Amino acid sequence: MSAPRVSVLLPCRDAAGTLESSLRSLSDQRWSDFEIVAVDDGSRDRTGELLDEWTGREERLRVLRRERRGLIPALNDAAGAARGRLLARMDADDVAHSERLGLQVALMEERPELAACGTGVRYVPREGIGSGLLRYEQWLNGLRTSEDVRRALFVECPVAHPTLMIRARVLEELGGYRDEGWPEDYDLMLRLHAAGMRAANVDRTLLRWRRGEERLSRTSPRYGRDAFRRCRVHFLLRGALPADRPVVVWGAGRVGKRFGRELRSQGGEVRAWIDVDSRKIGQEIHGLPVLSPRELEAAAMGPEGSGPTAYVLVAVGAPGARDEIREELAAMGLRELRDFRAVA
């Protein structure tokens, strides 16, 4: 039997309540050249029985059984057993649109320079989803091109992990999934970009993303805000920030101050804060001056004709503020990524 084009990596743990719908959504894919590599990570409910039942009616399903070791070992086990040249992620409580795999394969074939791609998502169930998650869903679904993904990289993970499709050779080159005390999906995406590779998203909503109370993203400190911030700063200080330019943080509020503290705790240096709040301008925060945007314009430019000197990290949380600041910085003649980038 020839190797399939795609291997779907499906870690499962105590997923009996949702596994049927996830497997059915994969079985019903319109594009058919794939296998499902399911890893039963020591389930204590009927997950194992359901996987056995499905192997009898879905010949593309292969099941690996392991003692309970956790998500990251399960993902690496599945990737190690996969035969496809493309690896697709899926969680056992999510549901894929029938065109998901086909449209992602088409994008990866059309764009051979892409190392990975994702898709748009819709959170389910809709009841109880707060405004913050809805804003995140809208933000994520607005990221389409590889340039969109690059600009958003240090705000949040710009590819929803359950929608990820990555070239198998790329995952191998990057060393697989790692446990660094922060989200393994974000770590992978940041390593991918640090290696000079690119990712994009299919411009379609192709996954129903379940937000259950028991998800690791809601229960493990590895997925908390502090862990995300540590991860961002770690990668910023290892190539994403220009080494020869001082850093200023635009945002002297809660988001900016927390980011600045983390940056300094990991050995980075912050020269000043920028803010539009007249009550803060002229004050000091953590021993650093708070400047106005007008003062930044003077401080950020080198001697006449020499171009920008300071590198600006935009760290704000108010809805819409990030885009307003982008426009203001662009009006100063600064270019995103070259002279500033958004962080969170």
C-alpha atoms as a PDB file:
ATOM      1  CA  MET A   1       0.000   0.000   0.000  1.00  0.00           C
ATOM      2  CA  SER A   2       1.427   3.385  -0.973  1.00  0.00           C
ATOM      3  CA  ALA A   3       1.947   6.014   1.705  1.00  0.00           C
ATOM      4  CA  PRO A   4      -0.883   8.543   2.093  1.00  0.00           C
ATOM      5  CA  ARG A   5      -0.276  12.196   1.307  1.00  0.00           C
ATOM      6  CA  VAL A   6      -1.484  13.368   4.733  1.00  0.00           C
ATOM      7  CA  SER A   7      -1.300  11.926   8.241  1.00  0.00           C
ATOM      8  CA  VAL A   8      -3.752  13.353  10.783  1.00  0.00           C
ATOM      9  CA  LEU A   9      -2.255  13.385  14.286  1.00  0.00           C
ATOM     10  CA  LEU A  10      -5.070  12.731  16.751  1.00  0.00           C
ATOM     11  CA  PRO A  11      -4.090  12.504  20.443  1.00  0.00           C
ATOM     12  CA  CYS A  12      -6.927  11.146  22.581  1.00  0.00           C
ATOM     13  CA  ARG A  13      -7.392  11.073  26.323  1.00  0.00           C
ATOM     14  CA  ASP A  14     -10.742  10.372  27.990  1.00  0.00           C
ATOM     15  CA  ALA A  15     -12.497  11.717  24.897  1.00  0.00           C
ATOM     16  CA  ALA A  16     -15.420   9.289  24.706  1.00  0.00           C
ATOM     17  CA  GLY A  17     -17.987  12.083  24.770  1.00  0.00           C
ATOM     18  CA  THR A  18     -16.667  13.826  21.638  1.00  0.00           C
ATOM     19  CA  LEU A  19     -14.484  11.319  19.768  1.00  0.00           C
ATOM     20  CA  GLU A  20     -17.283   9.968  17.557  1.00  0.00           C
ATOM     21  CA  SER A  21     -18.064  13.364  16.033  1.00  0.00           C
ATOM     22  CA  SER A  22     -14.376  14.143  15.478  1.00  0.00           C
ATOM     23  CA  LEU A  23     -13.696  10.817  13.741  1.00  0.00           C
ATOM     24  CA  ARG A  24     -16.864  11.129  11.669  1.00  0.00           C
ATOM     25  CA  SER A  25     -15.802  14.561  10.456  1.00  0.00           C
ATOM     26  CA  LEU A  26     -12.488  13.102   9.309  1.00  0.00           C
ATOM     27  CA  SER A  27     -14.079  10.053   7.727  1.00  0.00           C
ATOM     28  CA  ASP A  28     -16.393  12.375   5.754  1.00  0.00           C
ATOM     29  CA  GLN A  29     -13.579  14.460   4.238  1.00  0.00           C
ATOM     30  CA  ARG A  30     -14.079  15.028   0.507  1.00  0.00           C
ATOM     31  CA  TRP A  31     -10.348  14.682  -0.066  1.00  0.00           C
ATOM     32  CA  SER A  32      -9.451  11.092   0.775  1.00  0.00           C
ATOM     33  CA  ASP A  33      -5.676  10.506   0.520  1.00  0.00           C
ATOM     34  CA  PHE A  34      -4.938  10.523   4.248  1.00  0.00           C
ATOM     35  CA  GLU A  35      -4.517   8.349   7.313  1.00  0.00           C
ATOM     36  CA  ILE A  36      -5.497   9.014  10.912  1.00  0.00           C
ATOM     37  CA  VAL A  37      -2.847   8.246  13.531  1.00  0.00           C
ATOM     38  CA  ALA A  38      -4.704   8.223  16.843  1.00  0.00           C
ATOM     39  CA  VAL A  39      -2.778   7.966  20.115  1.00  0.00           C
ATOM     40  CA  ASP A  40      -4.748   6.715  23.105  1.00  0.00           C
ATOM     41  CA  ASP A  41      -2.883   8.435  25.934  1.00  0.00           C
ATOM     42  CA  GLY A  42      -3.895   6.125  28.769  1.00  0.00           C
ATOM     43  CA  SER A  43      -7.622   6.858  28.575  1.00  0.00           C
ATOM     44  CA  ARG A  44      -9.742   5.641  31.487  1.00  0.00           C
ATOM     45  CA  ASP A  45     -13.137   5.919  29.807  1.00  0.00           C
ATOM     46  CA  ARG A  46     -14.505   4.281  26.634  1.00  0.00           C
ATOM     47  CA  THR A  47     -12.057   6.049  24.304  1.00  0.00           C
ATOM     48  CA  GLY A  48     -10.128   2.830  23.626  1.00  0.00           C
ATOM     49  CA  GLU A  49     -13.309   0.882  22.850  1.00  0.00           C
ATOM     50  CA  LEU A  50     -14.526   3.551  20.455  1.00  0.00           C
ATOM     51  CA  LEU A  51     -11.179   3.569  18.640  1.00  0.00           C
ATOM     52  CA  ASP A  52     -11.405  -0.222  18.295  1.00  0.00           C
ATOM     53  CA  GLU A  53     -14.920   0.076  16.868  1.00  0.00           C
ATOM     54  CA  TRP A  54     -13.794   2.703  14.372  1.00  0.00           C
ATOM     55  CA  THR A  55     -10.839   0.662  13.120  1.00  0.00           C
ATOM     56  CA  GLY A  56     -13.394  -1.874  11.943  1.00  0.00           C
ATOM     57  CA  ARG A  57     -15.163   0.623   9.699  1.00  0.00           C
ATOM     58  CA  GLU A  58     -12.462   3.178   8.837  1.00  0.00           C
ATOM     59  CA  GLU A  59      -9.453   1.507   7.231  1.00  0.00           C
ATOM     60  CA  ARG A  60      -7.456   4.746   7.285  1.00  0.00           C
ATOM     61  CA  LEU A  61      -7.411   4.771  11.098  1.00  0.00           C
ATOM     62  CA  ARG A  62      -4.357   3.459  12.952  1.00  0.00           C
ATOM     63  CA  VAL A  63      -4.272   3.426  16.763  1.00  0.00           C
ATOM     64  CA  LEU A  64      -1.231   3.694  19.043  1.00  0.00           C
ATOM     65  CA  ARG A  65      -1.731   2.836  22.694  1.00  0.00           C
ATOM     66  CA  ARG A  66       0.455   4.383  25.385  1.00  0.00           C
ATOM     67  CA  GLU A  67       0.549   4.753  29.124  1.00  0.00           C
ATOM     68  CA  ARG A  68      -0.623   8.168  30.229  1.00  0.00           C
ATOM     69  CA  ARG A  69       2.325  10.429  29.350  1.00  0.00           C
ATOM     70  CA  GLY A  70       0.768  13.689  28.197  1.00  0.00           C
ATOM     71  CA  LEU A  71       0.006  15.624  25.047  1.00  0.00           C
ATOM     72  CA  ILE A  72       3.526  16.407  23.846  1.00  0.00           C
ATOM     73  CA  PRO A  73       4.800  12.792  23.931  1.00  0.00           C
ATOM     74  CA  ALA A  74       1.538  11.708  22.267  1.00  0.00           C
ATOM     75  CA  LEU A  75       2.061  14.211  19.445  1.00  0.00           C
ATOM     76  CA  ASN A  76       5.661  13.127  18.932  1.00  0.00           C
ATOM     77  CA  ASP A  77       4.644   9.452  18.956  1.00  0.00           C
ATOM     78  CA  ALA A  78       1.985  10.135  16.327  1.00  0.00           C
ATOM     79  CA  ALA A  79       4.411  12.135  14.175  1.00  0.00           C
ATOM     80  CA  GLY A  80       6.997   9.356  14.450  1.00  0.00           C
ATOM     81  CA  ALA A  81       4.501   6.761  13.221  1.00  0.00           C
ATOM     82  CA  ALA A  82       3.037   8.957  10.463  1.00  0.00           C
ATOM     83  CA  ARG A  83       3.648   8.028   6.815  1.00  0.00           C
ATOM     84  CA  GLY A  84       2.375  11.190   5.139  1.00  0.00           C
ATOM     85  CA  ARG A  85       4.482  14.013   3.741  1.00  0.00           C
ATOM     86  CA  LEU A  86       2.035  16.441   5.320  1.00  0.00           C
ATOM     87  CA  LEU A  87       0.987  16.245   8.970  1.00  0.00           C
ATOM     88  CA  ALA A  88      -2.365  17.652  10.064  1.00  0.00           C
ATOM     89  CA  ARG A  89      -3.332  18.308  13.693  1.00  0.00           C
ATOM     90  CA  MET A  90      -6.721  17.527  15.120  1.00  0.00           C
ATOM     91  CA  ASP A  91      -8.065  17.246  18.642  1.00  0.00           C
ATOM     92  CA  ALA A  92     -10.488  14.550  19.704  1.00  0.00           C
ATOM     93  CA  ASP A  93     -13.146  17.074  20.692  1.00  0.00           C
ATOM     94  CA  ASP A  94     -13.096  19.233  17.548  1.00  0.00           C
ATOM     95  CA  VAL A  95     -14.954  18.837  14.258  1.00  0.00           C
ATOM     96  CA  ALA A  96     -13.438  19.424  10.825  1.00  0.00           C
ATOM     97  CA  HIS A  97     -15.339  20.812   7.852  1.00  0.00           C
ATOM     98  CA  SER A  98     -15.599  18.271   5.035  1.00  0.00           C
ATOM     99  CA  GLU A  99     -13.293  20.379   2.841  1.00  0.00           C
ATOM    100  CA  ARG A 100     -10.640  21.063   5.477  1.00  0.00           C
ATOM    101  CA  LEU A 101      -7.895  18.667   4.381  1.00  0.00           C
ATOM    102  CA  GLY A 102      -8.464  19.202   0.658  1.00  0.00           C
ATOM    103  CA  LEU A 103      -8.239  22.979   0.865  1.00  0.00           C
ATOM    104  CA  GLN A 104      -5.130  22.870   3.052  1.00  0.00           C
ATOM    105  CA  VAL A 105      -3.388  20.414   0.728  1.00  0.00           C
ATOM    106  CA  ALA A 106      -4.278  22.659  -2.219  1.00  0.00           C
ATOM    107  CA  LEU A 107      -2.710  25.679  -0.496  1.00  0.00           C
ATOM    108  CA  MET A 108       0.451  23.762   0.406  1.00  0.00           C
ATOM    109  CA  GLU A 109       0.812  22.513  -3.174  1.00  0.00           C
ATOM    110  CA  GLU A 110       0.096  25.926  -4.671  1.00  0.00           C
ATOM    111  CA  ARG A 111       2.550  27.611  -2.269  1.00  0.00           C
ATOM    112  CA  PRO A 112       5.606  25.318  -1.962  1.00  0.00           C
ATOM    113  CA  GLU A 113       7.440  28.033  -0.003  1.00  0.00           C
ATOM    114  CA  LEU A 114       5.012  27.576   2.911  1.00  0.00           C
ATOM    115  CA  ALA A 115       6.182  25.304   5.705  1.00  0.00           C
ATOM    116  CA  ALA A 116       2.749  25.151   7.334  1.00  0.00           C
ATOM    117  CA  CYS A 117      -0.800  26.458   7.172  1.00  0.00           C
ATOM    118  CA  GLY A 118      -3.930  26.643   9.283  1.00  0.00           C
ATOM    119  CA  THR A 119      -7.571  27.588   8.769  1.00  0.00           C
ATOM    120  CA  GLY A 120     -10.218  29.783  10.279  1.00  0.00           C
ATOM    121  CA  VAL A 121     -12.117  28.508  13.337  1.00  0.00           C
ATOM    122  CA  ARG A 122     -15.475  28.825  15.043  1.00  0.00           C
ATOM    123  CA  TYR A 123     -15.699  28.275  18.782  1.00  0.00           C
ATOM    124  CA  VAL A 124     -18.374  25.853  19.996  1.00  0.00           C
ATOM    125  CA  PRO A 125     -20.622  25.737  21.824  1.00  0.00           C
ATOM    126  CA  ARG A 126     -21.476  29.405  21.350  1.00  0.00           C
ATOM    127  CA  GLU A 127     -23.234  29.641  24.706  1.00  0.00           C
ATOM    128  CA  GLY A 128     -21.000  31.070  27.381  1.00  0.00           C
ATOM    129  CA  ILE A 129     -18.272  32.337  25.059  1.00  0.00           C
ATOM    130  CA  GLY A 130     -17.189  35.730  26.349  1.00  0.00           C
ATOM    131  CA  SER A 131     -16.378  38.855  24.377  1.00  0.00           C
ATOM    132  CA  GLY A 132     -12.639  38.242  24.758  1.00  0.00           C
ATOM    133  CA  LEU A 133     -12.785  34.866  23.025  1.00  0.00           C
ATOM    134  CA  LEU A 134     -15.049  36.247  20.327  1.00  0.00           C
ATOM    135  CA  ARG A 135     -12.525  39.029  19.646  1.00  0.00           C
ATOM    136  CA  TYR A 136      -9.755  36.441  19.494  1.00  0.00           C
ATOM    137  CA  GLU A 137     -11.777  34.328  17.053  1.00  0.00           C
ATOM    138  CA  GLN A 138     -12.339  37.377  14.848  1.00  0.00           C
ATOM    139  CA  TRP A 139      -8.652  38.362  15.070  1.00  0.00           C
ATOM    140  CA  LEU A 140      -7.470  34.847  14.233  1.00  0.00           C
ATOM    141  CA  ASN A 141      -9.856  34.527  11.292  1.00  0.00           C
ATOM    142  CA  GLY A 142      -8.541  37.814   9.903  1.00  0.00           C
ATOM    143  CA  LEU A 143      -5.007  36.392   9.523  1.00  0.00           C
ATOM    144  CA  ARG A 144      -4.653  34.959   6.040  1.00  0.00           C
ATOM    145  CA  THR A 145      -1.364  35.709   4.322  1.00  0.00           C
ATOM    146  CA  SER A 146       2.120  34.798   5.502  1.00  0.00           C
ATOM    147  CA  GLU A 147       2.688  38.524   6.085  1.00  0.00           C
ATOM    148  CA  ASP A 148      -0.416  38.668   8.318  1.00  0.00           C
ATOM    149  CA  VAL A 149       0.981  35.754  10.304  1.00  0.00           C
ATOM    150  CA  ARG A 150       4.417  37.373  10.649  1.00  0.00           C
ATOM    151  CA  ARG A 151       2.935  40.647  11.903  1.00  0.00           C
ATOM    152  CA  ALA A 152       0.798  38.838  14.483  1.00  0.00           C
ATOM    153  CA  LEU A 153       3.432  36.366  15.635  1.00  0.00           C
ATOM    154  CA  PHE A 154       4.253  37.990  18.986  1.00  0.00           C
ATOM    155  CA  VAL A 155       0.657  38.938  19.839  1.00  0.00           C
ATOM    156  CA  GLU A 156      -0.829  35.428  19.965  1.00  0.00           C
ATOM    157  CA  CYS A 157      -0.233  32.161  18.142  1.00  0.00           C
ATOM    158  CA  PRO A 158      -1.420  33.123  14.627  1.00  0.00           C
ATOM    159  CA  VAL A 159      -2.276  29.567  13.531  1.00  0.00           C
ATOM    160  CA  ALA A 160      -4.898  27.673  15.549  1.00  0.00           C
ATOM    161  CA  HIS A 161      -3.084  24.484  16.497  1.00  0.00           C
ATOM    162  CA  PRO A 162      -5.987  22.046  15.873  1.00  0.00           C
ATOM    163  CA  THR A 163      -6.026  23.352  12.273  1.00  0.00           C
ATOM    164  CA  LEU A 164      -2.279  23.079  11.677  1.00  0.00           C
ATOM    165  CA  MET A 165      -0.917  21.318   8.599  1.00  0.00           C
ATOM    166  CA  ILE A 166       2.894  21.156   8.482  1.00  0.00           C
ATOM    167  CA  ARG A 167       5.363  19.456   6.180  1.00  0.00           C
ATOM    168  CA  ALA A 168       6.691  16.321   7.888  1.00  0.00           C
ATOM    169  CA  ARG A 169      10.300  17.164   7.009  1.00  0.00           C
ATOM    170  CA  VAL A 170       9.877  20.601   8.618  1.00  0.00           C
ATOM    171  CA  LEU A 171       8.609  19.169  11.896  1.00  0.00           C
ATOM    172  CA  GLU A 172      11.535  16.752  11.896  1.00  0.00           C
ATOM    173  CA  GLU A 173      14.045  19.525  11.129  1.00  0.00           C
ATOM    174  CA  LEU A 174      12.650  21.593  13.994  1.00  0.00           C
ATOM    175  CA  GLY A 175      13.032  18.705  16.432  1.00  0.00           C
ATOM    176  CA  GLY A 176       9.348  17.897  16.907  1.00  0.00           C
ATOM    177  CA  TYR A 177       7.261  19.184  19.782  1.00  0.00           C
ATOM    178  CA  ARG A 178       9.021  20.372  22.969  1.00  0.00           C
ATOM    179  CA  ASP A 179       8.003  20.933  26.566  1.00  0.00           C
ATOM    180  CA  GLU A 180       9.598  24.232  27.583  1.00  0.00           C
ATOM    181  CA  GLY A 181       6.998  25.184  30.184  1.00  0.00           C
ATOM    182  CA  TRP A 182       4.913  27.162  27.699  1.00  0.00           C
ATOM    183  CA  PRO A 183       2.468  26.237  24.895  1.00  0.00           C
ATOM    184  CA  GLU A 184       3.969  23.604  22.596  1.00  0.00           C
ATOM    185  CA  ASP A 185       2.064  24.899  19.546  1.00  0.00           C
ATOM    186  CA  TYR A 186       3.267  28.477  19.999  1.00  0.00           C
ATOM    187  CA  ASP A 187       6.809  27.256  20.623  1.00  0.00           C
ATOM    188  CA  LEU A 188       6.681  25.312  17.343  1.00  0.00           C
ATOM    189  CA  MET A 189       5.371  28.279  15.356  1.00  0.00           C
ATOM    190  CA  LEU A 190       7.997  30.634  16.774  1.00  0.00           C
ATOM    191  CA  ARG A 191      10.783  28.141  16.014  1.00  0.00           C
ATOM    192  CA  LEU A 192       9.444  27.762  12.499  1.00  0.00           C
ATOM    193  CA  HIS A 193       9.647  31.497  11.884  1.00  0.00           C
ATOM    194  CA  ALA A 194      12.996  31.829  13.651  1.00  0.00           C
ATOM    195  CA  ALA A 195      14.300  29.309  11.112  1.00  0.00           C
ATOM    196  CA  GLY A 196      13.199  31.618   8.283  1.00  0.00           C
ATOM    197  CA  MET A 197      10.137  29.572   7.316  1.00  0.00           C
ATOM    198  CA  ARG A 198       6.643  30.887   6.671  1.00  0.00           C
ATOM    199  CA  ALA A 199       3.038  29.917   7.401  1.00  0.00           C
ATOM    200  CA  ALA A 200      -0.361  31.170   6.231  1.00  0.00           C
ATOM    201  CA  ASN A 201      -4.047  30.357   6.754  1.00  0.00           C
ATOM    202  CA  VAL A 202      -6.727  29.113   4.382  1.00  0.00           C
ATOM    203  CA  ASP A 203      -9.318  31.870   4.128  1.00  0.00           C
ATOM    204  CA  ARG A 204     -12.185  29.648   5.263  1.00  0.00           C
ATOM    205  CA  THR A 205     -13.601  28.620   8.623  1.00  0.00           C
ATOM    206  CA  LEU A 206     -12.872  24.890   8.535  1.00  0.00           C
ATOM    207  CA  LEU A 207     -12.840  23.776  12.181  1.00  0.00           C
ATOM    208  CA  ARG A 208     -15.327  23.870  15.005  1.00  0.00           C
ATOM    209  CA  TRP A 209     -13.059  24.418  18.014  1.00  0.00           C
ATOM    210  CA  ARG A 210     -14.513  23.132  21.278  1.00  0.00           C
ATOM    211  CA  ARG A 211     -13.733  25.162  24.409  1.00  0.00           C
ATOM    212  CA  GLY A 212     -14.367  22.567  27.115  1.00  0.00           C
ATOM    213  CA  GLU A 213     -13.729  23.266  30.793  1.00  0.00           C
ATOM    214  CA  GLU A 214     -11.266  20.358  30.991  1.00  0.00           C
ATOM    215  CA  ARG A 215      -9.038  21.434  28.089  1.00  0.00           C
ATOM    216  CA  LEU A 216      -5.377  21.807  29.007  1.00  0.00           C
ATOM    217  CA  SER A 217      -5.491  25.357  27.672  1.00  0.00           C
ATOM    218  CA  ARG A 218      -7.890  26.168  30.519  1.00  0.00           C
ATOM    219  CA  THR A 219      -6.362  24.076  33.297  1.00  0.00           C
ATOM    220  CA  SER A 220      -2.568  23.926  32.855  1.00  0.00           C
ATOM    221  CA  PRO A 221      -0.261  26.820  33.856  1.00  0.00           C
ATOM    222  CA  ARG A 222       1.727  26.024  30.690  1.00  0.00           C
ATOM    223  CA  TYR A 223      -1.059  27.791  28.770  1.00  0.00           C
ATOM    224  CA  GLY A 224      -1.492  30.756  31.102  1.00  0.00           C
ATOM    225  CA  ARG A 225      -0.759  34.361  30.164  1.00  0.00           C
ATOM    226  CA  ASP A 226       2.528  34.411  32.069  1.00  0.00           C
ATOM    227  CA  ALA A 227       3.761  31.362  30.143  1.00  0.00           C
ATOM    228  CA  PHE A 228       2.783  32.900  26.803  1.00  0.00           C
ATOM    229  CA  ARG A 229       4.649  36.091  27.745  1.00  0.00           C
ATOM    230  CA  ARG A 230       7.790  34.177  28.741  1.00  0.00           C
ATOM    231  CA  CYS A 231       7.670  32.345  25.426  1.00  0.00           C
ATOM    232  CA  ARG A 232       7.334  35.550  23.392  1.00  0.00           C
ATOM    233  CA  VAL A 233      10.169  37.303  25.175  1.00  0.00           C
ATOM    234  CA  HIS A 234      12.424  34.247  24.884  1.00  0.00           C
ATOM    235  CA  PHE A 235      12.124  34.290  21.094  1.00  0.00           C
ATOM    236  CA  LEU A 236      12.258  38.068  20.810  1.00  0.00           C
ATOM    237  CA  LEU A 237      15.621  38.063  22.524  1.00  0.00           C
ATOM    238  CA  ARG A 238      16.913  35.295  20.262  1.00  0.00           C
ATOM    239  CA  GLY A 239      16.763  36.959  16.906  1.00  0.00           C
ATOM    240  CA  ALA A 240      13.504  38.872  16.519  1.00  0.00           C
ATOM    241  CA  LEU A 241      14.867  42.096  18.050  1.00  0.00           C
ATOM    242  CA  PRO A 242      17.697  43.999  16.353  1.00  0.00           C
ATOM    243  CA  ALA A 243      20.737  43.721  18.611  1.00  0.00           C
ATOM    244  CA  ASP A 244      22.093  47.190  17.787  1.00  0.00           C
ATOM    245  CA  ARG A 245      19.001  49.311  18.571  1.00  0.00           C
ATOM    246  CA  PRO A 246      17.562  50.415  21.928  1.00  0.00           C
ATOM    247  CA  VAL A 247      14.056  49.186  22.732  1.00  0.00           C
ATOM    248  CA  VAL A 248      11.145  51.344  23.833  1.00  0.00           C
ATOM    249  CA  VAL A 249       7.735  49.972  24.835  1.00  0.00           C
ATOM    250  CA  TRP A 250       4.615  51.797  23.611  1.00  0.00           C
ATOM    251  CA  GLY A 251       2.123  51.128  26.359  1.00  0.00           C
ATOM    252  CA  ALA A 252       2.605  52.105  29.999  1.00  0.00           C
ATOM    253  CA  GLY A 253      -0.533  50.276  31.077  1.00  0.00           C
ATOM    254  CA  ARG A 254      -0.902  46.780  32.486  1.00  0.00           C
ATOM    255  CA  VAL A 255       0.000  44.921  29.260  1.00  0.00           C
ATOM    256  CA  GLY A 256       3.055  47.072  28.544  1.00  0.00           C
ATOM    257  CA  LYS A 257       4.399  47.036  32.094  1.00  0.00           C
ATOM    258  CA  ARG A 258       4.095  43.262  32.381  1.00  0.00           C
ATOM    259  CA  PHE A 259       5.810  42.813  29.045  1.00  0.00           C
ATOM    260  CA  GLY A 260       8.570  45.233  29.977  1.00  0.00           C
ATOM    261  CA  ARG A 261       9.173  43.464  33.294  1.00  0.00           C
ATOM    262  CA  GLU A 262       9.442  40.098  31.563  1.00  0.00           C
ATOM    263  CA  LEU A 263      11.779  41.497  28.932  1.00  0.00           C
ATOM    264  CA  ARG A 264      14.098  42.901  31.591  1.00  0.00           C
ATOM    265  CA  SER A 265      13.910  39.723  33.707  1.00  0.00           C
ATOM    266  CA  GLN A 266      15.219  37.724  30.733  1.00  0.00           C
ATOM    267  CA  GLY A 267      18.147  40.075  30.210  1.00  0.00           C
ATOM    268  CA  GLY A 268      16.622  42.531  27.743  1.00  0.00           C
ATOM    269  CA  GLU A 269      16.883  46.291  28.102  1.00  0.00           C
ATOM    270  CA  VAL A 270      14.073  48.828  27.868  1.00  0.00           C
ATOM    271  CA  ARG A 271      15.017  52.493  27.396  1.00  0.00           C
ATOM    272  CA  ALA A 272      11.635  54.152  27.921  1.00  0.00           C
ATOM    273  CA  TRP A 273       7.852  53.850  27.856  1.00  0.00           C
ATOM    274  CA  ILE A 274       5.560  55.621  25.393  1.00  0.00           C
ATOM    275  CA  ASP A 275       1.990  56.543  26.283  1.00  0.00           C
ATOM    276  CA  VAL A 276      -0.778  58.961  25.323  1.00  0.00           C
ATOM    277  CA  ASP A 277      -2.072  59.346  28.909  1.00  0.00           C
ATOM    278  CA  SER A 278      -1.089  62.839  30.051  1.00  0.00           C
ATOM    279  CA  ARG A 279      -1.102  61.641  33.673  1.00  0.00           C
ATOM    280  CA  LYS A 280       1.744  59.217  32.897  1.00  0.00           C
ATOM    281  CA  ILE A 281       3.830  61.331  30.509  1.00  0.00           C
ATOM    282  CA  GLY A 282       6.803  62.844  32.337  1.00  0.00           C
ATOM    283  CA  GLN A 283       6.600  60.286  35.128  1.00  0.00           C
ATOM    284  CA  GLU A 284       8.845  57.265  35.679  1.00  0.00           C
ATOM    285  CA  ILE A 285       7.774  53.608  35.729  1.00  0.00           C
ATOM    286  CA  HIS A 286      10.257  51.065  37.062  1.00  0.00           C
ATOM    287  CA  GLY A 287      12.877  53.801  36.862  1.00  0.00           C
ATOM    288  CA  LEU A 288      12.261  54.539  33.174  1.00  0.00           C
ATOM    289  CA  PRO A 289      10.779  57.743  31.703  1.00  0.00           C
ATOM    290  CA  VAL A 290       7.341  57.842  30.122  1.00  0.00           C
ATOM    291  CA  LEU A 291       7.467  59.796  26.854  1.00  0.00           C
ATOM    292  CA  SER A 292       4.743  61.124  24.607  1.00  0.00           C
ATOM    293  CA  PRO A 293       4.413  59.937  20.985  1.00  0.00           C
ATOM    294  CA  ARG A 294       5.859  63.303  19.884  1.00  0.00           C
ATOM    295  CA  GLU A 295       8.915  62.731  22.076  1.00  0.00           C
ATOM    296  CA  LEU A 296       9.223  59.233  20.620  1.00  0.00           C
ATOM    297  CA  GLU A 297       9.328  60.674  17.128  1.00  0.00           C
ATOM    298  CA  ALA A 298      12.338  62.755  18.097  1.00  0.00           C
ATOM    299  CA  ALA A 299      13.978  59.993  20.142  1.00  0.00           C
ATOM    300  CA  ALA A 300      13.389  57.241  17.583  1.00  0.00           C
ATOM    301  CA  MET A 301      15.096  58.994  14.684  1.00  0.00           C
ATOM    302  CA  GLY A 302      18.845  59.143  14.383  1.00  0.00           C
ATOM    303  CA  PRO A 303      20.861  62.105  13.125  1.00  0.00           C
ATOM    304  CA  GLU A 304      19.315  63.788  10.109  1.00  0.00           C
ATOM    305  CA  GLY A 305      19.182  61.356   7.221  1.00  0.00           C
ATOM    306  CA  SER A 306      20.344  58.342   9.215  1.00  0.00           C
ATOM    307  CA  GLY A 307      16.901  56.768   9.751  1.00  0.00           C
ATOM    308  CA  PRO A 308      15.333  55.160  12.837  1.00  0.00           C
ATOM    309  CA  THR A 309      17.369  54.188  15.886  1.00  0.00           C
ATOM    310  CA  ALA A 310      14.944  53.027  18.608  1.00  0.00           C
ATOM    311  CA  TYR A 311      12.968  49.824  18.065  1.00  0.00           C
ATOM    312  CA  VAL A 312       9.362  50.069  19.272  1.00  0.00           C
ATOM    313  CA  LEU A 313       7.412  47.231  20.878  1.00  0.00           C
ATOM    314  CA  VAL A 314       3.689  48.015  20.826  1.00  0.00           C
ATOM    315  CA  ALA A 315       2.208  46.433  23.975  1.00  0.00           C
ATOM    316  CA  VAL A 316      -1.394  47.570  24.448  1.00  0.00           C
ATOM    317  CA  GLY A 317      -4.580  45.704  25.275  1.00  0.00           C
ATOM    318  CA  ALA A 318      -7.440  48.089  24.447  1.00  0.00           C
ATOM    319  CA  PRO A 319      -9.455  46.924  21.398  1.00  0.00           C
ATOM    320  CA  GLY A 320      -8.438  48.902  18.331  1.00  0.00           C
ATOM    321  CA  ALA A 321      -5.482  50.625  20.008  1.00  0.00           C
ATOM    322  CA  ARG A 322      -2.883  48.427  18.318  1.00  0.00           C
ATOM    323  CA  ASP A 323      -4.010  49.392  14.818  1.00  0.00           C
ATOM    324  CA  GLU A 324      -4.184  53.077  15.724  1.00  0.00           C
ATOM    325  CA  ILE A 325      -0.600  52.961  16.974  1.00  0.00           C
ATOM    326  CA  ARG A 326       0.507  51.123  13.835  1.00  0.00           C
ATOM    327  CA  GLU A 327      -0.914  53.973  11.760  1.00  0.00           C
ATOM    328  CA  GLU A 328       0.777  56.602  13.922  1.00  0.00           C
ATOM    329  CA  LEU A 329       4.150  54.875  13.707  1.00  0.00           C
ATOM    330  CA  ALA A 330       3.810  54.471   9.953  1.00  0.00           C
ATOM    331  CA  ALA A 331       3.094  58.216   9.715  1.00  0.00           C
ATOM    332  CA  MET A 332       6.446  58.787  11.462  1.00  0.00           C
ATOM    333  CA  GLY A 333       8.123  56.866   8.670  1.00  0.00           C
ATOM    334  CA  LEU A 334       8.653  53.670  10.671  1.00  0.00           C
ATOM    335  CA  ARG A 335       8.069  50.288   9.055  1.00  0.00           C
ATOM    336  CA  GLU A 336       6.446  47.368  10.825  1.00  0.00           C
ATOM    337  CA  LEU A 337       8.824  44.511  11.693  1.00  0.00           C
ATOM    338  CA  ARG A 338      11.844  46.547  10.546  1.00  0.00           C
ATOM    339  CA  ASP A 339      11.285  49.358  13.094  1.00  0.00           C
ATOM    340  CA  PHE A 340       8.462  48.150  15.330  1.00  0.00           C
ATOM    341  CA  ARG A 341       6.285  45.161  16.061  1.00  0.00           C
ATOM    342  CA  ALA A 342       3.168  44.405  18.095  1.00  0.00           C
ATOM    343  CA  VAL A 343       3.469  42.214  21.194  1.00  0.00           C
ATOM    344  CA  ALA A 344       1.194  41.161  24.047  1.00  0.00           C
END
